[in-house]
PDB file of N, CA and C in Angstrom:
ATOM      1  N   MET A   1       0.491  -1.099   0.357  1.00  0.00           N
ATOM      2  CA  MET A   1       0.249   0.087  -0.224  1.00  0.00           C
ATOM      3  C   MET A   1       0.828   1.118  -0.312  1.00  0.00           C
ATOM      4  N   GLN A   2       0.592   1.709  -0.614  1.00  0.00           N
ATOM      5  CA  GLN A   2       1.435   3.149  -0.913  1.00  0.00           C
ATOM      6  C   GLN A   2       0.722   4.190   0.101  1.00  0.00           C
ATOM      7  N   THR A   3       1.262   5.151   0.027  1.00  0.00           N
ATOM      8  CA  THR A   3       0.711   6.596   0.705  1.00  0.00           C
ATOM      9  C   THR A   3       0.931   7.755  -0.147  1.00  0.00           C
ATOM     10  N   ARG A   4       0.205   8.749  -0.022  1.00  0.00           N
ATOM     11  CA  ARG A   4       0.746   9.709  -0.213  1.00  0.00           C
ATOM     12  C   ARG A   4       1.013  11.381   0.771  1.00  0.00           C
ATOM     13  N   ASN A   5       2.447  11.593   1.141  1.00  0.00           N
ATOM     14  CA  ASN A   5       2.995  12.616   1.775  1.00  0.00           C
ATOM     15  C   ASN A   5       2.671  13.940   1.664  1.00  0.00           C
ATOM     16  N   PRO A   6       2.465  14.599   1.346  1.00  0.00           N
ATOM     17  CA  PRO A   6       2.353  16.421   0.446  1.00  0.00           C
ATOM     18  C   PRO A   6       4.414  16.867   1.341  1.00  0.00           C
ATOM     19  N   LEU A   7       4.029  16.592   2.250  1.00  0.00           N
ATOM     20  CA  LEU A   7       5.570  17.259   2.360  1.00  0.00           C
ATOM     21  C   LEU A   7       7.074  16.720   1.418  1.00  0.00           C
ATOM     22  N   PHE A   8       6.686  15.123   1.334  1.00  0.00           N
ATOM     23  CA  PHE A   8       8.170  14.292   0.426  1.00  0.00           C
ATOM     24  C   PHE A   8       8.161  14.645  -0.202  1.00  0.00           C
ATOM     25  N   ASP A   9       6.457  15.361  -1.359  1.00  0.00           N
ATOM     26  CA  ASP A   9       6.593  15.347  -2.439  1.00  0.00           C
ATOM     27  C   ASP A   9       6.419  16.774  -2.375  1.00  0.00           C
ATOM     28  N   ASP A  10       6.597  18.095  -1.735  1.00  0.00           N
ATOM     29  CA  ASP A  10       6.991  19.775  -1.296  1.00  0.00           C
ATOM     30  C   ASP A  10       8.911  19.028  -1.625  1.00  0.00           C
ATOM     31  N   LEU A  11       9.194  18.304  -1.102  1.00  0.00           N
ATOM     32  CA  LEU A  11      10.330  17.925  -0.395  1.00  0.00           C
ATOM     33  C   LEU A  11      11.212  17.961  -1.922  1.00  0.00           C
ATOM     34  N   SER A  12      11.030  17.193  -2.885  1.00  0.00           N
ATOM     35  CA  SER A  12      11.297  16.872  -3.947  1.00  0.00           C
ATOM     36  C   SER A  12      11.037  17.852  -4.581  1.00  0.00           C
ATOM     37  N   ARG A  13      10.502  18.698  -4.459  1.00  0.00           N
ATOM     38  CA  ARG A  13       9.796  19.764  -5.570  1.00  0.00           C
ATOM     39  C   ARG A  13      11.498  20.574  -5.603  1.00  0.00           C
ATOM     40  N   VAL A  14      11.349  20.902  -4.225  1.00  0.00           N
ATOM     41  CA  VAL A  14      12.322  21.917  -3.463  1.00  0.00           C
ATOM     42  C   VAL A  14      13.637  21.482  -4.414  1.00  0.00           C
ATOM     43  N   MET A  15      14.801  19.905  -3.916  1.00  0.00           N
ATOM     44  CA  MET A  15      15.460  19.762  -4.826  1.00  0.00           C
ATOM     45  C   MET A  15      15.571  19.721  -5.828  1.00  0.00           C
ATOM     46  N   THR A  16      14.575  19.576  -6.787  1.00  0.00           N
ATOM     47  CA  THR A  16      14.620  19.945  -8.031  1.00  0.00           C
ATOM     48  C   THR A  16      14.983  21.011  -8.595  1.00  0.00           C
ATOM     49  N   SER A  17      14.006  22.159  -7.988  1.00  0.00           N
ATOM     50  CA  SER A  17      14.827  23.270  -8.385  1.00  0.00           C
ATOM     51  C   SER A  17      15.995  23.713  -7.712  1.00  0.00           C
ATOM     52  N   ALA A  18      16.215  23.598  -6.854  1.00  0.00           N
ATOM     53  CA  ALA A  18      17.456  23.405  -6.358  1.00  0.00           C
ATOM     54  C   ALA A  18      18.848  22.916  -7.336  1.00  0.00           C
ATOM     55  N   ALA A  19      18.293  21.920  -7.412  1.00  0.00           N
ATOM     56  CA  ALA A  19      19.380  21.323  -8.009  1.00  0.00           C
ATOM     57  C   ALA A  19      19.113  22.477  -9.208  1.00  0.00           C
ATOM     58  N   GLY A  20      17.644  22.646 -10.032  1.00  0.00           N
ATOM     59  CA  GLY A  20      18.104  23.344 -11.945  1.00  0.00           C
ATOM     60  C   GLY A  20      19.297  25.563 -11.501  1.00  0.00           C
ATOM     61  N   ALA A  21      18.958  25.483 -10.202  1.00  0.00           N
ATOM     62  CA  ALA A  21      19.944  26.663  -9.556  1.00  0.00           C
ATOM     63  C   ALA A  21      21.039  26.438  -9.865  1.00  0.00           C
ATOM     64  N   PHE A  22      21.628  25.612  -9.037  1.00  0.00           N
ATOM     65  CA  PHE A  22      23.184  25.487  -8.820  1.00  0.00           C
ATOM     66  C   PHE A  22      23.265  24.652 -10.533  1.00  0.00           C
ATOM     67  N   GLN A  23      22.874  24.615 -10.831  1.00  0.00           N
ATOM     68  CA  GLN A  23      23.679  24.095 -12.762  1.00  0.00           C
ATOM     69  C   GLN A  23      23.305  25.646 -13.117  1.00  0.00           C
ATOM     70  N   GLY A  24      22.178  26.502 -12.397  1.00  0.00           N
ATOM     71  CA  GLY A  24      22.553  27.491 -13.827  1.00  0.00           C
ATOM     72  C   GLY A  24      23.511  28.532 -13.239  1.00  0.00           C
ATOM     73  N   ALA A  25      23.532  28.528 -12.191  1.00  0.00           N
ATOM     74  CA  ALA A  25      24.826  29.582 -11.300  1.00  0.00           C
ATOM     75  C   ALA A  25      26.283  28.446 -11.125  1.00  0.00           C
ATOM     76  N   ARG A  26      26.428  27.067 -11.745  1.00  0.00           N
ATOM     77  CA  ARG A  26      27.647  26.738 -11.780  1.00  0.00           C
ATOM     78  C   ARG A  26      27.694  27.156 -13.951  1.00  0.00           C
ATOM     79  N   ASP A  27      26.916  26.544 -14.492  1.00  0.00           N
ATOM     80  CA  ASP A  27      26.872  27.684 -15.903  1.00  0.00           C
ATOM     81  C   ASP A  27      27.115  29.019 -15.604  1.00  0.00           C
ATOM     82  N   GLU A  28      26.768  29.887 -14.952  1.00  0.00           N
ATOM     83  CA  GLU A  28      27.527  31.231 -15.140  1.00  0.00           C
ATOM     84  C   GLU A  28      28.517  31.329 -15.309  1.00  0.00           C
ATOM     85  N   VAL A  29      29.647  30.714 -13.933  1.00  0.00           N
ATOM     86  CA  VAL A  29      30.266  30.526 -13.241  1.00  0.00           C
ATOM     87  C   VAL A  29      31.588  30.159 -14.131  1.00  0.00           C
ATOM     88  N   GLU A  30      31.368  28.749 -14.803  1.00  0.00           N
ATOM     89  CA  GLU A  30      32.270  29.409 -15.816  1.00  0.00           C
ATOM     90  C   GLU A  30      32.416  29.544 -16.914  1.00  0.00           C
ATOM     91  N   ALA A  31      31.278  30.422 -17.582  1.00  0.00           N
ATOM     92  CA  ALA A  31      31.327  31.521 -17.992  1.00  0.00           C
ATOM     93  C   ALA A  31      32.102  31.969 -18.069  1.00  0.00           C
ATOM     94  N   ARG A  32      32.215  33.099 -17.518  1.00  0.00           N
ATOM     95  CA  ARG A  32      33.124  34.194 -16.108  1.00  0.00           C
ATOM     96  C   ARG A  32      34.289  33.757 -16.556  1.00  0.00           C
ATOM     97  N   VAL A  33      34.225  33.276 -15.773  1.00  0.00           N
ATOM     98  CA  VAL A  33      35.835  32.102 -15.709  1.00  0.00           C
ATOM     99  C   VAL A  33      35.885  32.011 -17.006  1.00  0.00           C
ATOM    100  N   ARG A  34      36.012  31.701 -17.692  1.00  0.00           N
ATOM    101  CA  ARG A  34      36.560  31.569 -19.418  1.00  0.00           C
ATOM    102  C   ARG A  34      36.544  32.647 -20.077  1.00  0.00           C
ATOM    103  N   THR A  35      35.585  33.773 -19.527  1.00  0.00           N
ATOM    104  CA  THR A  35      35.986  34.899 -20.200  1.00  0.00           C
ATOM    105  C   THR A  35      37.483  35.959 -19.541  1.00  0.00           C
ATOM    106  N   HIS A  36      37.277  35.213 -18.377  1.00  0.00           N
ATOM    107  CA  HIS A  36      38.278  36.550 -18.190  1.00  0.00           C
ATOM    108  C   HIS A  36      39.904  35.588 -17.837  1.00  0.00           C
ATOM    109  N   LEU A  37      39.473  34.490 -18.470  1.00  0.00           N
ATOM    110  CA  LEU A  37      40.828  33.629 -18.539  1.00  0.00           C
ATOM    111  C   LEU A  37      41.268  34.122 -20.125  1.00  0.00           C
ATOM    112  N   GLU A  38      40.246  34.199 -20.719  1.00  0.00           N
ATOM    113  CA  GLU A  38      41.189  34.100 -22.492  1.00  0.00           C
ATOM    114  C   GLU A  38      41.047  35.961 -22.485  1.00  0.00           C
ATOM    115  N   ARG A  39      40.880  36.467 -21.885  1.00  0.00           N
ATOM    116  CA  ARG A  39      41.386  38.238 -21.904  1.00  0.00           C
ATOM    117  C   ARG A  39      42.956  37.990 -21.279  1.00  0.00           C
ATOM    118  N   ILE A  40      42.980  36.994 -20.276  1.00  0.00           N
ATOM    119  CA  ILE A  40      44.348  37.279 -20.292  1.00  0.00           C
ATOM    120  C   ILE A  40      45.668  37.261 -21.366  1.00  0.00           C
ATOM    121  N   VAL A  41      45.206  35.326 -21.531  1.00  0.00           N
ATOM    122  CA  VAL A  41      45.448  35.746 -22.327  1.00  0.00           C
ATOM    123  C   VAL A  41      45.574  35.855 -23.842  1.00  0.00           C
ATOM    124  N   ALA A  42      45.596  37.213 -23.686  1.00  0.00           N
ATOM    125  CA  ALA A  42      44.769  37.757 -24.806  1.00  0.00           C
ATOM    126  C   ALA A  42      45.879  39.056 -24.434  1.00  0.00           C
ATOM    127  N   ASP A  43      45.970  39.370 -22.719  1.00  0.00           N
ATOM    128  CA  ASP A  43      46.822  40.762 -22.830  1.00  0.00           C
ATOM    129  C   ASP A  43      48.736  40.158 -23.132  1.00  0.00           C
ATOM    130  N   MET A  44      48.243  39.252 -22.361  1.00  0.00           N
ATOM    131  CA  MET A  44      49.894  38.116 -22.601  1.00  0.00           C
ATOM    132  C   MET A  44      50.489  38.474 -23.773  1.00  0.00           C
ATOM    133  N   ASP A  45      49.615  38.166 -25.061  1.00  0.00           N
ATOM    134  CA  ASP A  45      50.602  38.852 -26.537  1.00  0.00           C
ATOM    135  C   ASP A  45      51.721  37.661 -26.341  1.00  0.00           C
ATOM    136  N   LEU A  46      51.017  36.457 -26.594  1.00  0.00           N
ATOM    137  CA  LEU A  46      51.588  35.050 -27.043  1.00  0.00           C
ATOM    138  C   LEU A  46      51.847  35.406 -28.911  1.00  0.00           C
ATOM    139  N   VAL A  47      52.555  34.383 -28.802  1.00  0.00           N
ATOM    140  CA  VAL A  47      51.955  33.812 -30.475  1.00  0.00           C
ATOM    141  C   VAL A  47      51.748  33.229 -30.798  1.00  0.00           C
ATOM    142  N   ASP A  48      51.023  32.957 -32.311  1.00  0.00           N
ATOM    143  CA  ASP A  48      50.941  31.943 -32.476  1.00  0.00           C
ATOM    144  C   ASP A  48      51.685  30.500 -33.238  1.00  0.00           C
ATOM    145  N   ARG A  49      51.090  29.000 -33.111  1.00  0.00           N
ATOM    146  CA  ARG A  49      52.335  28.722 -33.414  1.00  0.00           C
ATOM    147  C   ARG A  49      52.374  28.862 -35.132  1.00  0.00           C
ATOM    148  N   ASP A  50      51.683  29.496 -35.913  1.00  0.00           N
ATOM    149  CA  ASP A  50      52.301  29.501 -37.306  1.00  0.00           C
ATOM    150  C   ASP A  50      53.395  30.173 -37.110  1.00  0.00           C
ATOM    151  N   GLU A  51      53.059  31.610 -36.801  1.00  0.00           N
ATOM    152  CA  GLU A  51      53.956  32.615 -36.476  1.00  0.00           C
ATOM    153  C   GLU A  51      54.910  32.221 -36.065  1.00  0.00           C
ATOM    154  N   PHE A  52      55.363  30.939 -35.142  1.00  0.00           N
ATOM    155  CA  PHE A  52      56.755  30.483 -34.337  1.00  0.00           C
ATOM    156  C   PHE A  52      57.472  30.002 -35.041  1.00  0.00           C
ATOM    157  N   GLU A  53      57.210  28.942 -35.851  1.00  0.00           N
ATOM    158  CA  GLU A  53      57.432  28.172 -37.050  1.00  0.00           C
ATOM    159  C   GLU A  53      57.959  29.021 -37.686  1.00  0.00           C
ATOM    160  N   ALA A  54      57.616  30.212 -38.467  1.00  0.00           N
ATOM    161  CA  ALA A  54      57.714  31.237 -40.122  1.00  0.00           C
ATOM    162  C   ALA A  54      59.089  31.510 -38.795  1.00  0.00           C
ATOM    163  N   VAL A  55      58.866  32.418 -38.123  1.00  0.00           N
ATOM    164  CA  VAL A  55      60.658  32.587 -37.237  1.00  0.00           C
ATOM    165  C   VAL A  55      61.826  31.394 -37.252  1.00  0.00           C
ATOM    166  N   LYS A  56      61.339  30.340 -36.588  1.00  0.00           N
ATOM    167  CA  LYS A  56      62.039  29.743 -36.835  1.00  0.00           C
ATOM    168  C   LYS A  56      62.868  29.149 -37.788  1.00  0.00           C
ATOM    169  N   GLU A  57      61.919  29.267 -39.219  1.00  0.00           N
ATOM    170  CA  GLU A  57      62.688  28.686 -40.196  1.00  0.00           C
ATOM    171  C   GLU A  57      63.528  29.911 -40.576  1.00  0.00           C
ATOM    172  N   MET A  58      63.213  30.811 -40.272  1.00  0.00           N
ATOM    173  CA  MET A  58      63.917  32.245 -40.848  1.00  0.00           C
ATOM    174  C   MET A  58      65.045  32.495 -40.398  1.00  0.00           C
ATOM    175  N   ALA A  59      64.753  32.207 -38.740  1.00  0.00           N
ATOM    176  CA  ALA A  59      66.895  31.135 -38.693  1.00  0.00           C
ATOM    177  C   ALA A  59      67.097  31.070 -38.484  1.00  0.00           C
ATOM    178  N   ALA A  60      66.459  29.642 -39.319  1.00  0.00           N
ATOM    179  CA  ALA A  60      67.148  28.285 -39.484  1.00  0.00           C
ATOM    180  C   ALA A  60      68.640  28.945 -41.382  1.00  0.00           C
ATOM    181  N   ASN A  61      67.350  29.799 -42.036  1.00  0.00           N
ATOM    182  CA  ASN A  61      68.012  30.125 -42.973  1.00  0.00           C
ATOM    183  C   ASN A  61      69.116  31.578 -42.619  1.00  0.00           C
ATOM    184  N   ALA A  62      68.715  31.563 -41.807  1.00  0.00           N
ATOM    185  CA  ALA A  62      69.905  33.058 -41.276  1.00  0.00           C
ATOM    186  C   ALA A  62      71.191  32.666 -41.021  1.00  0.00           C
ATOM    187  N   ARG A  63      70.968  31.369 -40.366  1.00  0.00           N
ATOM    188  CA  ARG A  63      72.072  30.959 -39.580  1.00  0.00           C
ATOM    189  C   ARG A  63      73.023  29.842 -41.596  1.00  0.00           C
ATOM    190  N   ALA A  64      72.056  29.036 -41.762  1.00  0.00           N
ATOM    191  CA  ALA A  64      72.922  29.209 -43.257  1.00  0.00           C
ATOM    192  C   ALA A  64      73.338  30.069 -43.656  1.00  0.00           C
ATOM    193  N   GLU A  65      73.239  31.566 -43.872  1.00  0.00           N
ATOM    194  CA  GLU A  65      73.278  32.248 -45.340  1.00  0.00           C
ATOM    195  C   GLU A  65      74.147  32.944 -44.104  1.00  0.00           C
ATOM    196  N   ASN A  66      74.521  32.534 -42.928  1.00  0.00           N
ATOM    197  CA  ASN A  66      76.205  33.122 -42.469  1.00  0.00           C
ATOM    198  C   ASN A  66      77.483  32.447 -42.214  1.00  0.00           C
ATOM    199  N   GLU A  67      76.793  31.260 -42.363  1.00  0.00           N
ATOM    200  CA  GLU A  67      77.968  29.774 -41.967  1.00  0.00           C
ATOM    201  C   GLU A  67      78.136  30.061 -44.154  1.00  0.00           C
ATOM    202  N   ARG A  68      77.297  30.237 -44.703  1.00  0.00           N
ATOM    203  CA  ARG A  68      78.244  30.453 -46.252  1.00  0.00           C
ATOM    204  C   ARG A  68      78.710  30.675 -46.712  1.00  0.00           C
ATOM    205  N   LEU A  69      78.530  32.655 -46.102  1.00  0.00           N
ATOM    206  CA  LEU A  69      79.551  33.768 -45.916  1.00  0.00           C
ATOM    207  C   LEU A  69      80.914  33.723 -45.446  1.00  0.00           C
ATOM    208  N   ALA A  70      80.674  32.731 -43.832  1.00  0.00           N
ATOM    209  CA  ALA A  70      81.280  32.817 -43.712  1.00  0.00           C
ATOM    210  C   ALA A  70      82.376  31.880 -44.413  1.00  0.00           C
ATOM    211  N   ALA A  71      82.388  30.534 -44.352  1.00  0.00           N
ATOM    212  CA  ALA A  71      83.025  29.975 -45.687  1.00  0.00           C
ATOM    213  C   ALA A  71      83.642  30.207 -46.846  1.00  0.00           C
ATOM    214  N   GLU A  72      83.230  30.810 -47.015  1.00  0.00           N
ATOM    215  CA  GLU A  72      83.595  32.739 -48.796  1.00  0.00           C
ATOM    216  C   GLU A  72      84.248  34.004 -47.778  1.00  0.00           C
ATOM    217  N   ILE A  73      84.048  33.767 -47.317  1.00  0.00           N
ATOM    218  CA  ILE A  73      85.010  34.673 -45.971  1.00  0.00           C
ATOM    219  C   ILE A  73      86.343  34.481 -46.597  1.00  0.00           C
ATOM    220  N   GLU A  74      86.683  33.075 -45.872  1.00  0.00           N
ATOM    221  CA  GLU A  74      87.239  32.678 -45.716  1.00  0.00           C
ATOM    222  C   GLU A  74      88.203  31.629 -46.411  1.00  0.00           C
ATOM    223  N   ILE A  75      87.583  32.156 -48.205  1.00  0.00           N
ATOM    224  CA  ILE A  75      88.420  31.024 -48.855  1.00  0.00           C
ATOM    225  C   ILE A  75      88.763  32.951 -49.683  1.00  0.00           C
ATOM    226  N   ALA A  76      87.860  33.376 -50.114  1.00  0.00           N
ATOM    227  CA  ALA A  76      88.554  34.520 -50.438  1.00  0.00           C
ATOM    228  C   ALA A  76      89.329  35.003 -49.177  1.00  0.00           C
ATOM    229  N   GLU A  77      90.061  35.802 -48.050  1.00  0.00           N
ATOM    230  CA  GLU A  77      91.264  35.087 -47.297  1.00  0.00           C
ATOM    231  C   GLU A  77      92.404  34.081 -47.425  1.00  0.00           C
ATOM    232  N   ALA A  78      92.038  33.036 -47.618  1.00  0.00           N
ATOM    233  CA  ALA A  78      92.857  31.892 -48.375  1.00  0.00           C
ATOM    234  C   ALA A  78      93.824  32.469 -49.472  1.00  0.00           C
ATOM    235  N   GLY A  79      92.718  33.208 -50.070  1.00  0.00           N
ATOM    236  CA  GLY A  79      92.974  33.221 -51.719  1.00  0.00           C
ATOM    237  C   GLY A  79      94.485  34.854 -51.381  1.00  0.00           C
ATOM    238  N   THR A  80      93.902  36.120 -51.312  1.00  0.00           N
ATOM    239  CA  THR A  80      94.494  36.961 -51.231  1.00  0.00           C
ATOM    240  C   THR A  80      95.672  36.969 -50.225  1.00  0.00           C
ATOM    241  N   GLY A  81      96.450  36.078 -48.701  1.00  0.00           N
ATOM    242  CA  GLY A  81      96.636  36.094 -48.208  1.00  0.00           C
ATOM    243  C   GLY A  81      98.322  35.220 -47.970  1.00  0.00           C
ATOM    244  N   GLU A  82      98.161  34.854 -49.682  1.00  0.00           N
ATOM    245  CA  GLU A  82      99.200  33.923 -49.807  1.00  0.00           C
ATOM    246  C   GLU A  82     100.397  33.977 -49.854  1.00  0.00           C
ATOM    247  N   GLY A  83     101.576  33.864 -48.614  1.00  0.00           N
ATOM    248  CA  GLY A  83     102.794  33.790 -48.691  1.00  0.00           C
ATOM    249  C   GLY A  83     102.939  34.621 -47.706  1.00  0.00           C
ATOM    250  N   GLU A  84     101.853  35.826 -46.647  1.00  0.00           N
ATOM    251  CA  GLU A  84     101.615  36.347 -45.937  1.00  0.00           C
ATOM    252  C   GLU A  84     101.608  36.413 -45.204  1.00  0.00           C
ATOM    253  N   GLU A  85     101.761  36.366 -43.356  1.00  0.00           N
ATOM    254  CA  GLU A  85     101.261  35.986 -42.174  1.00  0.00           C
ATOM    255  C   GLU A  85     101.124  36.900 -41.453  1.00  0.00           C
ATOM    256  N   ASP A  86     100.055  36.894 -41.076  1.00  0.00           N
ATOM    257  CA  ASP A  86      98.837  38.033 -39.923  1.00  0.00           C
ATOM    258  C   ASP A  86     100.418  39.303 -38.793  1.00  0.00           C
ATOM    259  N   PRO A  87     100.366  39.139 -39.101  1.00  0.00           N
ATOM    260  CA  PRO A  87     101.296  39.967 -37.682  1.00  0.00           C
ATOM    261  C   PRO A  87     100.603  39.147 -36.547  1.00  0.00           C
ATOM    262  N   PRO A  88     102.207  38.801 -35.690  1.00  0.00           N
ATOM    263  CA  PRO A  88     100.838  38.650 -34.206  1.00  0.00           C
ATOM    264  C   PRO A  88      99.908  39.459 -33.589  1.00  0.00           C
ATOM    265  N   ARG A  89      99.148  38.540 -32.624  1.00  0.00           N
ATOM    266  CA  ARG A  89      98.283  39.800 -31.801  1.00  0.00           C
ATOM    267  C   ARG A  89      97.930  39.442 -30.478  1.00  0.00           C
ATOM    268  N   GLY A  90      97.218  39.912 -30.056  1.00  0.00           N
ATOM    269  CA  GLY A  90      97.555  39.790 -28.151  1.00  0.00           C
ATOM    270  C   GLY A  90      96.247  39.988 -28.640  1.00  0.00           C
ATOM    271  N   PRO A  91      95.660  39.706 -26.779  1.00  0.00           N
ATOM    272  CA  PRO A  91      94.211  39.597 -26.453  1.00  0.00           C
ATOM    273  C   PRO A  91      93.667  41.461 -26.696  1.00  0.00           C
ATOM    274  N   PRO A  92      92.483  41.348 -27.473  1.00  0.00           N
ATOM    275  CA  PRO A  92      92.296  42.557 -27.877  1.00  0.00           C
ATOM    276  C   PRO A  92      92.208  43.501 -25.999  1.00  0.00           C
ATOM    277  N   GLU A  93      92.294  44.770 -26.126  1.00  0.00           N
ATOM    278  CA  GLU A  93      92.203  45.361 -25.133  1.00  0.00           C
ATOM    279  C   GLU A  93      91.258  45.271 -24.083  1.00  0.00           C
ATOM    280  N   LYS A  94      90.683  45.936 -23.227  1.00  0.00           N
ATOM    281  CA  LYS A  94      89.839  45.726 -22.512  1.00  0.00           C
ATOM    282  C   LYS A  94      88.832  46.846 -23.366  1.00  0.00           C
ATOM    283  N   GLY A  95      87.916  47.156 -23.543  1.00  0.00           N
ATOM    284  CA  GLY A  95      87.113  48.125 -23.980  1.00  0.00           C
ATOM    285  C   GLY A  95      87.349  47.559 -25.315  1.00  0.00           C
ATOM    286  N   CYS A  96      88.046  47.046 -25.601  1.00  0.00           N
ATOM    287  CA  CYS A  96      87.975  47.153 -27.160  1.00  0.00           C
ATOM    288  C   CYS A  96      86.655  46.861 -28.120  1.00  0.00           C
ATOM    289  N   ARG A  97      86.438  47.580 -29.354  1.00  0.00           N
ATOM    290  CA  ARG A  97      85.594  46.834 -29.958  1.00  0.00           C
ATOM    291  C   ARG A  97      85.015  45.540 -30.599  1.00  0.00           C
ATOM    292  N   THR A  98      86.416  44.410 -30.823  1.00  0.00           N
ATOM    293  CA  THR A  98      86.189  43.799 -31.087  1.00  0.00           C
ATOM    294  C   THR A  98      85.423  41.952 -29.889  1.00  0.00           C
ATOM    295  N   ARG A  99      85.563  42.841 -28.964  1.00  0.00           N
ATOM    296  CA  ARG A  99      85.491  41.612 -27.756  1.00  0.00           C
ATOM    297  C   ARG A  99      84.456  42.615 -27.514  1.00  0.00           C
ATOM    298  N   ARG A 100      83.850  43.257 -27.222  1.00  0.00           N
ATOM    299  CA  ARG A 100      82.100  44.138 -27.387  1.00  0.00           C
ATOM    300  C   ARG A 100      81.662  43.470 -29.126  1.00  0.00           C
ATOM    301  N   LEU A 101      82.191  42.715 -30.102  1.00  0.00           N
ATOM    302  CA  LEU A 101      81.670  42.497 -31.479  1.00  0.00           C
ATOM    303  C   LEU A 101      81.337  41.298 -30.731  1.00  0.00           C
ATOM    304  N   SER A 102      82.055  40.871 -30.218  1.00  0.00           N
ATOM    305  CA  SER A 102      82.111  39.125 -30.317  1.00  0.00           C
ATOM    306  C   SER A 102      81.483  38.549 -29.003  1.00  0.00           C
ATOM    307  N   ARG A 103      80.680  39.797 -27.489  1.00  0.00           N
ATOM    308  CA  ARG A 103      79.950  39.415 -26.451  1.00  0.00           C
ATOM    309  C   ARG A 103      78.487  39.090 -27.489  1.00  0.00           C
ATOM    310  N   ARG A 104      78.581  39.843 -27.867  1.00  0.00           N
ATOM    311  CA  ARG A 104      77.419  40.230 -29.157  1.00  0.00           C
ATOM    312  C   ARG A 104      76.843  39.255 -29.351  1.00  0.00           C
ATOM    313  N   LYS A 105      77.779  39.322 -30.495  1.00  0.00           N
ATOM    314  CA  LYS A 105      77.564  37.810 -31.496  1.00  0.00           C
ATOM    315  C   LYS A 105      76.882  36.624 -30.332  1.00  0.00           C
ATOM    316  N   SER A 106      77.609  36.337 -29.720  1.00  0.00           N
ATOM    317  CA  SER A 106      77.797  34.805 -28.668  1.00  0.00           C
ATOM    318  C   SER A 106      76.649  35.298 -28.142  1.00  0.00           C
ATOM    319  N   ALA A 107      75.720  36.319 -28.028  1.00  0.00           N
ATOM    320  CA  ALA A 107      74.351  36.293 -26.918  1.00  0.00           C
ATOM    321  C   ALA A 107      73.421  36.473 -28.275  1.00  0.00           C
ATOM    322  N   ILE A 108      74.108  36.929 -28.996  1.00  0.00           N
ATOM    323  CA  ILE A 108      72.859  36.645 -30.344  1.00  0.00           C
ATOM    324  C   ILE A 108      73.340  35.153 -30.571  1.00  0.00           C
ATOM    325  N   ASP A 109      73.623  34.554 -30.918  1.00  0.00           N
ATOM    326  CA  ASP A 109      73.865  32.927 -31.107  1.00  0.00           C
ATOM    327  C   ASP A 109      72.974  32.427 -30.308  1.00  0.00           C
ATOM    328  N   GLY A 110      73.328  32.335 -28.601  1.00  0.00           N
ATOM    329  CA  GLY A 110      72.351  31.843 -28.204  1.00  0.00           C
ATOM    330  C   GLY A 110      71.079  32.491 -28.234  1.00  0.00           C
ATOM    331  N   GLY A 111      70.530  33.128 -28.383  1.00  0.00           N
ATOM    332  CA  GLY A 111      68.879  33.573 -28.330  1.00  0.00           C
ATOM    333  C   GLY A 111      68.998  32.940 -29.536  1.00  0.00           C
ATOM    334  N   ILE A 112      69.278  32.507 -30.702  1.00  0.00           N
ATOM    335  CA  ILE A 112      68.449  31.299 -30.987  1.00  0.00           C
ATOM    336  C   ILE A 112      68.344  30.065 -32.012  1.00  0.00           C
ATOM    337  N   LEU A 113      69.949  30.000 -31.051  1.00  0.00           N
ATOM    338  CA  LEU A 113      69.560  29.021 -30.476  1.00  0.00           C
ATOM    339  C   LEU A 113      68.347  28.388 -29.002  1.00  0.00           C
ATOM    340  N   GLN A 114      68.383  28.986 -28.283  1.00  0.00           N
ATOM    341  CA  GLN A 114      67.012  29.181 -27.840  1.00  0.00           C
ATOM    342  C   GLN A 114      65.551  28.967 -28.602  1.00  0.00           C
ATOM    343  N   LEU A 115      65.353  29.697 -29.414  1.00  0.00           N
ATOM    344  CA  LEU A 115      64.486  30.053 -29.904  1.00  0.00           C
ATOM    345  C   LEU A 115      63.536  28.667 -31.237  1.00  0.00           C
ATOM    346  N   LEU A 116      65.096  28.332 -31.674  1.00  0.00           N
ATOM    347  CA  LEU A 116      65.154  27.164 -32.132  1.00  0.00           C
ATOM    348  C   LEU A 116      65.305  25.637 -31.379  1.00  0.00           C
ATOM    349  N   ALA A 117      64.866  25.677 -29.944  1.00  0.00           N
ATOM    350  CA  ALA A 117      65.873  24.623 -29.133  1.00  0.00           C
ATOM    351  C   ALA A 117      63.823  24.104 -28.789  1.00  0.00           C
TER     352      ALA A 117
END
């Protein structure tokens, strides 16, 4: 025998409506969090994968061009310096332009290698 109790009916209706309200609140919080995170990512000024790959290819091409030019310079120096020796040089003086350029080249090479890694 089944009895009908109005208290249980009311309680089940309240629980059902509360579950719907909580689901709506959850959806609203998710939407706000998603919007906020999208705004943060947009402000970070990140690059797309395609842009990264393009810069990586440009760096590889620049590296190959530098190696080709270095080989040409070595060939040209070898062709003009037959029988002549360069005078011996000591270490560059402190603050010398050559040392600064060498440091810059090392820093640039290190940056390019980090991009390629």
